[in-house]
Amino acid sequence: MSYIYRTKGTCATAIEVELDGDIIKKVRFNGGCNGNLKGISKMVEGMRVSDVTDKLSGIKCGFKNTSCPDQLAKALTAALEEQR
């Protein structure tokens, strides 16, 4: 299942996630820090959604209340809910 999440408060404007049950198959960020977000995307592929959300939820970027990793956690949670 592919899901597009519109981010809030980050340089990346959207995150596309593909899940197979609760396993992350693919992540693609639109915008943001290209190299860092490609690295995060590759690192989380094959992991369980809950493992990634536990690690990334609540991370802040500078003075912002969120970050691209935090938004990825939100995107994965939303995608999992949509899948059910």
Protein backbone atom coordinates (compact mmCIF):
# COMPACT_ATOMS: atom_id res chain seq x y z
CA MET A 1 0.00 0.00 0.00
CA SER A 2 1.34 3.42 -0.96
CA TYR A 3 0.43 6.49 1.11
CA ILE A 4 1.31 10.18 0.68
CA TYR A 5 1.57 12.31 3.81
CA ARG A 6 1.64 16.13 3.55
CA THR A 7 4.16 17.33 6.12
CA LYS A 8 3.70 20.27 8.46
CA GLY A 9 6.50 22.54 9.66
CA THR A 10 9.42 21.03 7.72
CA CYS A 11 11.42 21.76 4.58
CA ALA A 12 10.17 18.49 3.08
CA THR A 13 6.65 19.01 1.76
CA ALA A 14 5.47 15.41 1.51
CA ILE A 15 6.50 11.87 2.35
CA GLU A 16 5.47 8.86 0.31
CA VAL A 17 5.55 5.57 2.19
CA GLU A 18 4.89 2.06 0.98
CA LEU A 19 4.00 -0.58 3.55
CA ASP A 20 3.54 -4.33 3.46
CA GLY A 21 1.51 -4.92 6.58
CA ASP A 22 3.57 -3.24 9.30
CA ILE A 23 6.86 -3.51 7.38
CA ILE A 24 8.25 -0.42 5.63
CA LYS A 25 8.98 -1.23 1.98
CA LYS A 26 9.87 2.25 0.67
CA VAL A 27 10.08 5.86 1.85
CA ARG A 28 10.52 8.91 -0.38
CA PHE A 29 10.68 12.53 0.78
CA ASN A 30 9.68 15.46 -1.44
CA GLY A 31 12.06 18.33 -0.66
CA GLY A 32 14.16 18.71 2.45
CA CYS A 33 17.84 17.84 2.98
CA ASN A 34 18.32 15.44 0.10
CA GLY A 35 21.27 13.36 1.32
CA ASN A 36 20.11 13.05 4.92
CA LEU A 37 16.58 12.08 3.95
CA LYS A 38 17.79 9.52 1.41
CA GLY A 39 19.89 8.02 4.21
CA ILE A 40 16.98 7.88 6.64
CA SER A 41 14.79 6.34 3.92
CA LYS A 42 17.29 3.55 3.25
CA MET A 43 17.85 2.90 6.96
CA VAL A 44 14.17 2.34 7.74
CA GLU A 45 13.36 0.09 4.77
CA GLY A 46 12.57 -3.42 6.01
CA MET A 47 11.87 -2.25 9.56
CA ARG A 48 8.61 -2.49 11.49
CA VAL A 49 6.59 0.73 11.69
CA SER A 50 6.51 0.61 15.51
CA ASP A 51 10.30 0.32 15.76
CA VAL A 52 10.80 3.40 13.61
CA THR A 53 8.08 5.49 15.23
CA ASP A 54 9.45 4.69 18.71
CA LYS A 55 12.86 6.03 17.69
CA LEU A 56 11.86 9.05 15.57
CA SER A 57 8.75 10.48 17.26
CA GLY A 58 9.35 13.79 18.99
CA ILE A 59 12.67 14.70 17.33
CA LYS A 60 12.89 18.47 16.81
CA CYS A 61 14.82 20.46 14.20
CA GLY A 62 16.39 23.57 15.72
CA PHE A 63 13.65 25.72 17.25
CA LYS A 64 10.85 23.94 15.37
CA ASN A 65 8.46 21.66 17.24
CA THR A 66 8.96 18.92 14.63
CA SER A 67 11.50 17.58 12.13
CA CYS A 68 11.56 15.41 9.03
CA PRO A 69 12.17 12.27 11.16
CA ASP A 70 9.23 13.24 13.42
CA GLN A 71 7.05 13.82 10.35
CA LEU A 72 8.12 10.41 9.01
CA ALA A 73 6.89 8.85 12.26
CA LYS A 74 3.56 10.63 11.81
CA ALA A 75 3.39 9.54 8.15
CA LEU A 76 4.02 5.90 9.05
CA THR A 77 1.37 5.98 11.78
CA ALA A 78 -1.15 7.54 9.37
CA ALA A 79 -0.31 5.03 6.63
CA LEU A 80 -0.73 2.11 9.03
CA GLU A 81 -4.13 3.47 10.16
CA GLU A 82 -5.21 3.98 6.54
CA GLN A 83 -4.21 0.42 5.72
CA ARG A 84 -6.46 -0.99 8.46
